[in-house]
Amino acid sequence: MSASATSIIQVIPRSRRGVELMLLIVALVVAVGAYVNVGITMQGRVPASTGYYAAALVVLAVIAHVTLRLRAPYADPVLLPCVVLLNGLGLAMIHRIDLAKDEATAAEQLTWTAIGVLLFVAMLVAIRDHRRLQALTYTSGLVGLVLLILPLLPVIGVTRNGSRIWVNLAGMSFQPGEVAKLALVIFFAGYLVVKRDVLALAGHRFLGLDLPRARDLGPIGLAWLASLGVLVFERDLGSSLLLFSLFLVLLYVATERSGWIVVGMALFIAGAFLSYELFGHVRVRVDKWQHPFSDYGGQLAETLFGMAYGGILGRGLGEGRPDLIVYSRSDSIIGAFAEELGLTGLMVILLVFLLIVERGLRMALACRDVFGKLIAAGLAMSFAVQVFVVIGGVTGLIPLTGLTTPFMSLGGTSLVANWAIIGLLLRISDQARRPQLPAAPVSEHTIAMAVQK
């Protein structure tokens, strides 16, 4: 037997970090170009802060890219450029509205971007194997629960715009619910890995659907009550919807039973009806959604006017009046983009978000362990649900919920938490795409003895 018979041919996947670098350059050119375009249109010159802005964005992108080269060389090459593009465009739009209102919040947002990138790096350095997070299943659940309760505390909890979702500590404000999202996904994934066989057992069959047994409804019932609790006590419709949707998606991914979707939707409809009947702030949101133009000058009315003014191709960066939209830098920043970039620009932004979700779901499919699959699927769907709720709210498809657009809206907590989520997704991607260690070569003597036997 020749020596080649004992050799092992192993196909090692390419790291594709070069592709990522090229895409990052494109994303940075677009982001910096948008910033310069805003200055030229509104001030007639290139903004004096362009050098600082471009240098900071380039340095942060390079830090993230180099970290992936060193710590996660086989991670997905598309995810980071998409995030840098969205983050950069968000900074440009915030700067554009700052100029119209004679304010300066873009510099603060850039600082939060730097903090987010540092947390992104910390996630990749500290977590070398995502599977170790499974040992923190119930710890993550406790942390998520505590973070959700923090805004309800009498000293540090703050009510803004009718929702009690903010915490003030040492002169700084943040939304603990944004961080709770990550902790709860880890808890849901770890719990379902252990309980999925029980939850996947067949129950009663109704109209072609295998509905779960009554004894197994406890977990989804608790998630439903928790989401209602967030809605009732914190008046946070968006976080309530996101929390319940995440658990329902992960439950379906873990069990592959459509009956859970039916039960979940039934609970959602019942909860929505109950909330509308019992809570005045929910009725106010629904009434404004049904009659947006009766509240002239309100958030939804101004957003719809701005989107209509933008049309198909938009007015151009700096040419519209997105500063007239209520919360144009936070909740309704998508409406500001739709006014100045038009339906075409809005569709491009949605495609970038869709690409992020698609790459996340691809990581879930490629992951070799169930825990990693559930985390990747949950985090990817968290972006999908959040973007759907935001777009649905500003276009009048569903009532406004107060959720922010990931990576684009003004707000430090959301931006930092989403950068951390991307770091964990890329860690899972690196683990999934990393080549397996080759098996030990088999000698000719061993093969001959096996043939004789």
Protein backbone atom coordinates (compact mmCIF):
# COMPACT_ATOMS: atom_id res chain seq x y z
CA MET A 1 0.00 0.00 0.00
CA SER A 2 1.39 3.43 -0.92
CA ALA A 3 2.11 6.15 1.57
CA SER A 4 -0.69 8.20 0.08
CA ALA A 5 -3.20 5.66 1.34
CA THR A 6 -2.51 6.67 4.91
CA SER A 7 -2.56 10.40 4.27
CA ILE A 8 -5.63 12.38 5.15
CA ILE A 9 -6.93 15.05 2.84
CA GLN A 10 -8.56 17.85 4.80
CA VAL A 11 -10.28 20.79 3.20
CA ILE A 12 -9.57 23.82 5.38
CA PRO A 13 -12.08 26.64 4.84
CA ARG A 14 -10.71 30.07 4.12
CA SER A 15 -10.99 32.65 6.85
CA ARG A 16 -12.19 35.28 4.34
CA ARG A 17 -10.89 38.14 6.44
CA GLY A 18 -9.69 39.79 3.23
CA VAL A 19 -13.28 39.88 1.97
CA GLU A 20 -14.33 41.43 5.25
CA LEU A 21 -11.65 44.12 4.91
CA MET A 22 -12.83 45.04 1.40
CA LEU A 23 -16.44 45.25 2.56
CA LEU A 24 -15.39 47.37 5.53
CA ILE A 25 -13.71 49.84 3.20
CA VAL A 26 -16.92 50.14 1.17
CA ALA A 27 -19.00 50.60 4.34
CA LEU A 28 -16.64 53.29 5.65
CA VAL A 29 -16.63 55.16 2.33
CA VAL A 30 -20.44 55.22 2.29
CA ALA A 31 -20.70 56.30 5.95
CA VAL A 32 -18.09 59.07 5.70
CA GLY A 33 -19.52 60.15 2.34
CA ALA A 34 -22.96 60.55 3.90
CA TYR A 35 -21.47 62.67 6.70
CA VAL A 36 -19.67 64.93 4.20
CA ASN A 37 -22.77 65.17 2.00
CA VAL A 38 -24.81 66.41 4.95
CA GLY A 39 -22.28 69.16 5.68
CA ILE A 40 -22.00 70.32 2.08
CA THR A 41 -25.77 70.44 1.64
CA MET A 42 -26.60 72.21 4.89
CA GLN A 43 -23.48 74.35 5.45
CA GLY A 44 -22.04 74.70 1.95
CA ARG A 45 -18.71 73.16 2.99
CA VAL A 46 -17.11 69.97 4.24
CA PRO A 47 -17.73 69.78 8.01
CA ALA A 48 -14.75 70.72 10.16
CA SER A 49 -15.32 67.57 12.22
CA THR A 50 -15.02 65.26 9.19
CA GLY A 51 -11.39 64.36 9.92
CA TYR A 52 -12.15 63.48 13.55
CA TYR A 53 -15.29 61.56 12.62
CA ALA A 54 -13.64 59.60 9.78
CA ALA A 55 -10.51 58.81 11.81
CA ALA A 56 -12.54 57.60 14.79
CA LEU A 57 -14.79 55.40 12.65
CA VAL A 58 -11.85 53.93 10.72
CA VAL A 59 -9.87 53.20 13.90
CA LEU A 60 -12.85 51.49 15.53
CA ALA A 61 -13.51 49.39 12.41
CA VAL A 62 -9.83 48.39 12.22
CA ILE A 63 -9.80 47.40 15.90
CA ALA A 64 -12.82 45.17 15.38
CA HIS A 65 -11.36 43.68 12.21
CA VAL A 66 -7.95 42.95 13.75
CA THR A 67 -9.62 41.36 16.77
CA LEU A 68 -11.48 38.99 14.46
CA ARG A 69 -8.27 38.14 12.62
CA LEU A 70 -6.55 37.23 15.89
CA ARG A 71 -9.37 35.76 17.99
CA ALA A 72 -12.03 34.53 15.54
CA PRO A 73 -10.35 34.06 12.12
CA TYR A 74 -13.13 31.85 10.72
CA ALA A 75 -16.03 34.11 11.74
CA ASP A 76 -18.56 35.33 9.21
CA PRO A 77 -17.01 38.03 6.96
CA VAL A 78 -20.22 39.95 6.17
CA LEU A 79 -21.68 40.72 9.58
CA LEU A 80 -19.15 43.32 10.77
CA PRO A 81 -19.27 45.45 7.57
CA CYS A 82 -23.09 45.52 7.74
CA VAL A 83 -22.99 46.74 11.33
CA VAL A 84 -20.34 49.40 10.57
CA LEU A 85 -22.44 50.64 7.65
CA LEU A 86 -25.61 50.98 9.73
CA ASN A 87 -23.76 52.55 12.64
CA GLY A 88 -22.04 55.05 10.32
CA LEU A 89 -25.26 56.01 8.55
CA GLY A 90 -26.96 56.48 11.90
CA LEU A 91 -24.20 58.84 13.00
CA ALA A 92 -24.54 60.83 9.77
CA MET A 93 -28.32 61.23 10.22
CA ILE A 94 -27.95 62.20 13.88
CA HIS A 95 -25.39 64.83 12.83
CA ARG A 96 -27.80 66.07 10.13
CA ILE A 97 -30.60 66.57 12.68
CA ASP A 98 -28.14 68.15 15.12
CA LEU A 99 -27.37 70.81 12.51
CA ALA A 100 -31.07 71.53 12.03
CA LYS A 101 -31.71 71.82 15.78
CA ASP A 102 -28.37 73.45 16.66
CA GLU A 103 -27.49 70.63 19.04
CA ALA A 104 -24.56 68.23 19.38
CA THR A 105 -25.51 64.63 20.10
CA ALA A 106 -23.55 62.92 17.30
CA ALA A 107 -20.27 63.21 19.26
CA GLU A 108 -21.92 61.47 22.20
CA GLN A 109 -23.19 58.72 19.90
CA LEU A 110 -19.67 58.27 18.51
CA THR A 111 -18.40 57.84 22.07
CA TRP A 112 -21.00 55.15 22.69
CA THR A 113 -19.92 53.50 19.44
CA ALA A 114 -16.36 53.31 20.80
CA ILE A 115 -17.66 51.74 24.02
CA GLY A 116 -19.70 49.27 21.98
CA VAL A 117 -16.67 48.23 19.92
CA LEU A 118 -14.63 47.76 23.10
CA LEU A 119 -17.35 45.50 24.49
CA PHE A 120 -17.40 43.68 21.14
CA VAL A 121 -13.65 43.04 21.54
CA ALA A 122 -14.12 41.98 25.16
CA MET A 123 -16.75 39.42 24.15
CA LEU A 124 -14.43 37.83 21.59
CA VAL A 125 -11.46 37.81 23.97
CA ALA A 126 -13.28 36.63 27.11
CA ILE A 127 -15.54 34.02 25.49
CA ARG A 128 -13.37 31.50 23.68
CA ASP A 129 -16.11 28.86 23.53
CA HIS A 130 -19.77 29.84 23.60
CA ARG A 131 -20.71 26.43 25.00
CA ARG A 132 -19.33 27.44 28.40
CA LEU A 133 -22.18 29.92 28.68
CA GLN A 134 -24.57 27.00 29.16
CA ALA A 135 -23.25 26.65 32.71
CA LEU A 136 -24.59 30.16 33.34
CA THR A 137 -28.14 29.36 32.24
CA TYR A 138 -29.94 30.17 35.47
CA THR A 139 -27.48 32.90 36.40
CA SER A 140 -28.31 34.60 33.10
CA GLY A 141 -32.00 34.21 33.82
CA LEU A 142 -31.57 35.82 37.23
CA VAL A 143 -29.51 38.67 35.76
CA GLY A 144 -32.12 39.26 33.05
CA LEU A 145 -34.92 39.32 35.63
CA VAL A 146 -33.05 41.75 37.88
CA LEU A 147 -32.33 44.04 34.93
CA LEU A 148 -36.02 44.09 34.00
CA ILE A 149 -36.99 44.94 37.58
CA LEU A 150 -34.41 47.72 38.07
CA PRO A 151 -36.52 50.51 36.48
CA LEU A 152 -39.32 49.77 38.95
CA LEU A 153 -37.17 50.63 41.97
CA PRO A 154 -38.29 53.93 43.55
CA VAL A 155 -34.90 55.67 43.81
CA ILE A 156 -33.16 54.86 40.54
CA GLY A 157 -36.11 54.17 38.22
CA VAL A 158 -37.10 57.01 35.88
CA THR A 159 -40.26 57.50 33.82
CA ARG A 160 -39.84 59.07 30.37
CA ASN A 161 -42.48 59.52 27.70
CA GLY A 162 -44.90 57.45 29.75
CA SER A 163 -42.62 54.37 30.05
CA ARG A 164 -40.64 53.42 33.14
CA ILE A 165 -37.69 51.73 31.41
CA TRP A 166 -34.81 53.99 32.45
CA VAL A 167 -32.39 53.84 35.36
CA ASN A 168 -30.32 56.76 36.69
CA LEU A 169 -27.03 55.85 38.39
CA ALA A 170 -24.16 58.23 39.16
CA GLY A 171 -25.64 60.85 36.85
CA MET A 172 -25.89 58.45 33.90
CA SER A 173 -29.07 57.04 32.34
CA PHE A 174 -29.39 53.67 30.67
CA GLN A 175 -32.02 51.10 29.72
CA PRO A 176 -31.30 47.79 31.48
CA GLY A 177 -33.88 46.04 29.30
CA GLU A 178 -31.48 46.22 26.31
CA VAL A 179 -28.88 44.18 28.20
CA ALA A 180 -31.57 41.90 29.61
CA LYS A 181 -32.35 40.83 26.05
CA LEU A 182 -28.95 39.14 25.72
CA ALA A 183 -29.10 37.54 29.16
CA LEU A 184 -32.60 36.16 28.57
CA VAL A 185 -31.65 34.64 25.21
CA ILE A 186 -28.83 32.73 26.94
CA PHE A 187 -31.28 31.60 29.63
CA PHE A 188 -33.96 30.53 27.15
CA ALA A 189 -31.40 28.61 25.07
CA GLY A 190 -29.90 26.80 28.06
CA TYR A 191 -33.33 25.93 29.45
CA LEU A 192 -34.67 24.61 26.15
CA VAL A 193 -31.57 22.46 25.52
CA VAL A 194 -32.44 20.52 28.67
CA LYS A 195 -36.23 20.55 28.35
CA ARG A 196 -36.73 20.30 24.58
CA ASP A 197 -37.38 16.52 24.58
CA VAL A 198 -40.20 16.93 27.09
CA LEU A 199 -41.64 19.94 25.27
CA ALA A 200 -41.46 18.12 21.93
CA LEU A 201 -43.65 15.24 23.10
CA ALA A 202 -46.85 14.85 21.13
CA GLY A 203 -50.02 16.08 22.76
CA HIS A 204 -53.52 16.47 21.43
CA ARG A 205 -54.06 16.63 17.67
CA PHE A 206 -56.47 19.34 16.51
CA LEU A 207 -57.12 20.35 12.89
CA GLY A 208 -53.91 18.67 11.78
CA LEU A 209 -51.77 20.31 14.48
CA ASP A 210 -50.07 18.53 17.35
CA LEU A 211 -50.83 20.80 20.26
CA PRO A 212 -48.70 20.50 23.42
CA ARG A 213 -49.89 18.77 26.55
CA ALA A 214 -51.43 20.92 29.25
CA ARG A 215 -48.72 19.91 31.73
CA ASP A 216 -46.03 21.29 29.40
CA LEU A 217 -47.55 24.76 29.06
CA GLY A 218 -45.80 26.09 32.17
CA PRO A 219 -42.74 27.65 30.47
CA ILE A 220 -44.65 29.54 27.81
CA GLY A 221 -47.19 30.61 30.42
CA LEU A 222 -44.44 32.07 32.59
CA ALA A 223 -42.94 33.90 29.59
CA TRP A 224 -46.40 35.27 28.77
CA LEU A 225 -46.93 36.48 32.34
CA ALA A 226 -43.45 38.02 32.43
CA SER A 227 -44.07 39.94 29.21
CA LEU A 228 -47.41 41.15 30.53
CA GLY A 229 -45.68 42.22 33.72
CA VAL A 230 -43.25 44.36 31.73
CA LEU A 231 -46.19 45.87 29.86
CA VAL A 232 -48.24 46.59 32.98
CA PHE A 233 -45.63 47.90 35.39
CA GLU A 234 -43.15 49.55 33.00
CA ARG A 235 -45.63 50.48 30.25
CA ASP A 236 -43.11 49.22 27.71
CA LEU A 237 -45.09 47.69 24.86
CA GLY A 238 -42.01 47.13 22.68
CA SER A 239 -39.93 45.19 25.20
CA SER A 240 -42.98 43.15 26.18
CA LEU A 241 -43.59 42.12 22.57
CA LEU A 242 -39.89 41.40 21.97
CA LEU A 243 -39.55 39.27 25.11
CA PHE A 244 -42.49 37.04 24.30
CA SER A 245 -41.59 36.76 20.61
CA LEU A 246 -38.04 35.66 21.44
CA PHE A 247 -39.18 32.85 23.71
CA LEU A 248 -41.80 31.72 21.22
CA VAL A 249 -39.26 31.61 18.35
CA LEU A 250 -36.72 29.68 20.43
CA LEU A 251 -39.40 27.27 21.60
CA TYR A 252 -40.34 26.52 17.99
CA VAL A 253 -36.69 26.14 16.91
CA ALA A 254 -35.98 23.76 19.80
CA THR A 255 -39.05 21.53 19.38
CA GLU A 256 -39.90 21.99 15.66
CA ARG A 257 -43.58 21.83 16.58
CA SER A 258 -45.94 24.33 14.99
CA GLY A 259 -48.43 23.72 17.78
CA TRP A 260 -46.39 25.97 20.05
CA ILE A 261 -46.77 28.80 17.54
CA VAL A 262 -50.56 28.38 17.64
CA VAL A 263 -50.61 28.41 21.44
CA GLY A 264 -48.27 31.40 21.51
CA MET A 265 -50.37 33.41 19.07
CA ALA A 266 -53.51 32.60 21.03
CA LEU A 267 -51.85 33.85 24.21
CA PHE A 268 -50.62 36.97 22.40
CA ILE A 269 -54.10 37.82 21.10
CA ALA A 270 -55.60 37.23 24.55
CA GLY A 271 -52.92 39.38 26.19
CA ALA A 272 -53.37 42.18 23.65
CA PHE A 273 -57.15 42.22 24.15
CA LEU A 274 -56.78 42.12 27.93
CA SER A 275 -54.24 44.94 27.89
CA TYR A 276 -56.43 47.12 25.69
CA GLU A 277 -59.42 46.66 27.98
CA LEU A 278 -57.57 47.19 31.28
CA PHE A 279 -54.79 49.72 30.65
CA GLY A 280 -55.33 53.27 29.49
CA HIS A 281 -51.85 53.77 28.02
CA VAL A 282 -52.39 50.81 25.68
CA ARG A 283 -55.72 52.28 24.51
CA VAL A 284 -53.98 55.61 23.84
CA ARG A 285 -51.37 53.89 21.64
CA VAL A 286 -54.04 51.99 19.72
CA ASP A 287 -56.23 55.09 19.26
CA LYS A 288 -53.30 57.10 17.87
CA TRP A 289 -52.54 54.21 15.53
CA GLN A 290 -56.13 54.03 14.27
CA HIS A 291 -56.47 57.81 13.88
CA PRO A 292 -52.93 59.12 13.28
CA PHE A 293 -53.97 62.43 11.71
CA SER A 294 -56.36 63.39 14.47
CA ASP A 295 -53.24 64.07 16.54
CA TYR A 296 -51.69 66.59 14.15
CA GLY A 297 -48.05 67.12 14.98
CA GLY A 298 -47.82 63.77 16.74
CA GLN A 299 -45.05 61.26 16.15
CA LEU A 300 -46.88 58.97 13.72
CA ALA A 301 -48.52 61.81 11.76
CA GLU A 302 -45.25 63.71 11.25
CA THR A 303 -43.43 60.50 10.28
CA LEU A 304 -46.04 59.65 7.66
CA PHE A 305 -45.94 63.21 6.28
CA GLY A 306 -42.15 63.02 6.04
CA MET A 307 -42.20 59.65 4.27
CA ALA A 308 -44.78 60.96 1.79
CA TYR A 309 -42.62 64.04 1.20
CA GLY A 310 -39.60 61.82 0.48
CA GLY A 311 -41.38 59.71 -2.11
CA ILE A 312 -39.50 57.07 -4.08
CA LEU A 313 -36.03 58.62 -4.32
CA GLY A 314 -36.10 61.00 -1.35
CA ARG A 315 -35.31 64.70 -1.01
CA GLY A 316 -31.57 64.07 -0.59
CA LEU A 317 -29.43 64.16 2.56
CA GLY A 318 -29.87 67.59 4.14
CA GLU A 319 -32.72 68.61 1.85
CA GLY A 320 -35.72 67.44 3.87
CA ARG A 321 -37.15 68.45 7.25
CA PRO A 322 -36.74 65.32 9.40
CA ASP A 323 -36.15 67.59 12.40
CA LEU A 324 -39.93 68.17 12.46
CA ILE A 325 -40.51 64.49 13.26
CA VAL A 326 -40.94 63.79 16.96
CA TYR A 327 -38.03 61.68 18.28
CA SER A 328 -36.41 61.83 14.85
CA ARG A 329 -33.03 60.78 16.24
CA SER A 330 -34.29 57.83 18.27
CA ASP A 331 -37.62 56.05 17.80
CA SER A 332 -38.39 57.57 14.38
CA ILE A 333 -34.95 57.74 12.77
CA ILE A 334 -36.20 55.34 10.09
CA GLY A 335 -38.79 57.96 9.15
CA ALA A 336 -35.97 60.53 8.80
CA PHE A 337 -34.08 58.21 6.44
CA ALA A 338 -37.25 57.53 4.45
CA GLU A 339 -37.79 61.28 3.96
CA GLU A 340 -34.27 62.06 2.75
CA LEU A 341 -33.36 58.78 0.99
CA GLY A 342 -36.88 57.84 -0.09
CA LEU A 343 -38.42 54.41 -0.38
CA THR A 344 -35.33 53.28 -2.31
CA GLY A 345 -32.95 54.16 0.50
CA LEU A 346 -35.27 52.64 3.08
CA MET A 347 -35.35 49.37 1.14
CA VAL A 348 -31.53 49.32 1.04
CA ILE A 349 -31.39 49.75 4.82
CA LEU A 350 -33.93 46.96 5.26
CA LEU A 351 -31.88 44.71 2.99
CA VAL A 352 -28.81 45.29 5.19
CA PHE A 353 -30.83 44.32 8.26
CA LEU A 354 -32.17 41.31 6.37
CA LEU A 355 -28.60 40.31 5.56
CA ILE A 356 -27.69 40.48 9.27
CA VAL A 357 -30.63 38.22 10.14
CA GLU A 358 -29.80 35.82 7.29
CA ARG A 359 -26.16 35.50 8.37
CA GLY A 360 -27.28 34.90 11.95
CA LEU A 361 -29.66 32.13 10.91
CA ARG A 362 -26.92 30.65 8.73
CA MET A 363 -24.70 30.52 11.80
CA ALA A 364 -27.47 28.67 13.64
CA LEU A 365 -27.69 26.08 10.85
CA ALA A 366 -23.91 25.60 10.71
CA CYS A 367 -23.41 25.39 14.48
CA ARG A 368 -22.57 21.89 15.70
CA ASP A 369 -24.24 22.10 19.13
CA VAL A 370 -27.88 22.71 20.01
CA PHE A 371 -27.09 25.42 22.57
CA GLY A 372 -25.17 27.47 20.00
CA LYS A 373 -27.93 26.94 17.43
CA LEU A 374 -30.54 28.33 19.80
CA ILE A 375 -28.45 31.34 20.81
CA ALA A 376 -27.63 32.24 17.20
CA ALA A 377 -31.25 31.82 16.11
CA GLY A 378 -32.53 33.81 19.09
CA LEU A 379 -30.13 36.71 18.63
CA ALA A 380 -30.74 36.84 14.88
CA MET A 381 -34.50 36.84 15.38
CA SER A 382 -34.19 39.54 18.04
CA PHE A 383 -32.95 41.86 15.28
CA ALA A 384 -35.71 40.66 12.95
CA VAL A 385 -38.48 41.24 15.50
CA GLN A 386 -37.10 44.61 16.60
CA VAL A 387 -36.76 45.94 13.06
CA PHE A 388 -40.23 44.65 12.14
CA VAL A 389 -41.76 46.37 15.17
CA VAL A 390 -39.93 49.64 14.40
CA ILE A 391 -40.79 49.66 10.69
CA GLY A 392 -44.34 48.56 11.40
CA GLY A 393 -44.74 51.39 13.90
CA VAL A 394 -43.42 54.25 11.76
CA THR A 395 -45.39 53.10 8.71
CA GLY A 396 -48.66 52.68 10.62
CA LEU A 397 -48.82 48.90 10.20
CA ILE A 398 -48.90 48.35 13.97
CA PRO A 399 -49.08 50.74 16.96
CA LEU A 400 -45.88 52.56 17.93
CA THR A 401 -44.00 50.69 20.65
CA GLY A 402 -40.97 52.84 21.47
CA LEU A 403 -38.29 50.39 20.33
CA THR A 404 -35.17 51.84 18.72
CA THR A 405 -33.64 50.90 15.38
CA PRO A 406 -30.54 48.76 16.06
CA PHE A 407 -27.19 50.55 15.48
CA MET A 408 -28.87 53.64 14.01
CA SER A 409 -30.97 55.31 16.69
CA LEU A 410 -29.56 57.72 19.24
CA GLY A 411 -29.02 55.92 22.52
CA GLY A 412 -26.00 54.44 24.23
CA THR A 413 -27.48 51.38 25.93
CA SER A 414 -29.06 49.97 22.79
CA LEU A 415 -25.94 50.58 20.71
CA VAL A 416 -23.54 48.99 23.21
CA ALA A 417 -25.81 45.98 23.81
CA ASN A 418 -26.20 45.34 20.08
CA TRP A 419 -22.43 45.45 19.54
CA ALA A 420 -22.09 42.83 22.29
CA ILE A 421 -24.69 40.67 20.55
CA ILE A 422 -22.72 40.87 17.29
CA GLY A 423 -19.57 39.82 19.17
CA LEU A 424 -21.30 36.72 20.52
CA LEU A 425 -22.75 35.88 17.10
CA LEU A 426 -19.30 36.08 15.51
CA ARG A 427 -17.85 33.86 18.25
CA ILE A 428 -20.48 31.23 17.43
CA SER A 429 -19.78 31.66 13.73
CA ASP A 430 -16.04 31.13 14.25
CA GLN A 431 -16.73 27.96 16.25
CA ALA A 432 -19.08 26.66 13.55
CA ARG A 433 -16.76 27.34 10.59
CA ARG A 434 -13.50 26.40 12.31
CA PRO A 435 -12.01 23.18 10.80
CA GLN A 436 -12.11 20.09 12.96
CA LEU A 437 -8.87 18.52 14.11
CA PRO A 438 -7.77 15.78 11.70
CA ALA A 439 -8.07 12.22 12.81
CA ALA A 440 -4.86 10.30 13.59
CA PRO A 441 -3.46 8.53 10.51
CA VAL A 442 -3.95 4.76 10.32
CA SER A 443 -0.85 2.67 9.66
CA GLU A 444 -0.63 0.00 6.97
CA HIS A 445 -0.18 -2.69 9.65
CA THR A 446 -3.44 -1.73 11.35
CA ILE A 447 -5.32 -1.80 8.04
CA ALA A 448 -3.86 -5.25 7.20
CA MET A 449 -4.88 -6.70 10.58
CA ALA A 450 -8.40 -5.31 10.16
CA VAL A 451 -8.71 -6.91 6.69
CA GLN A 452 -7.52 -10.29 7.99
CA LYS A 453 -10.12 -10.23 10.75
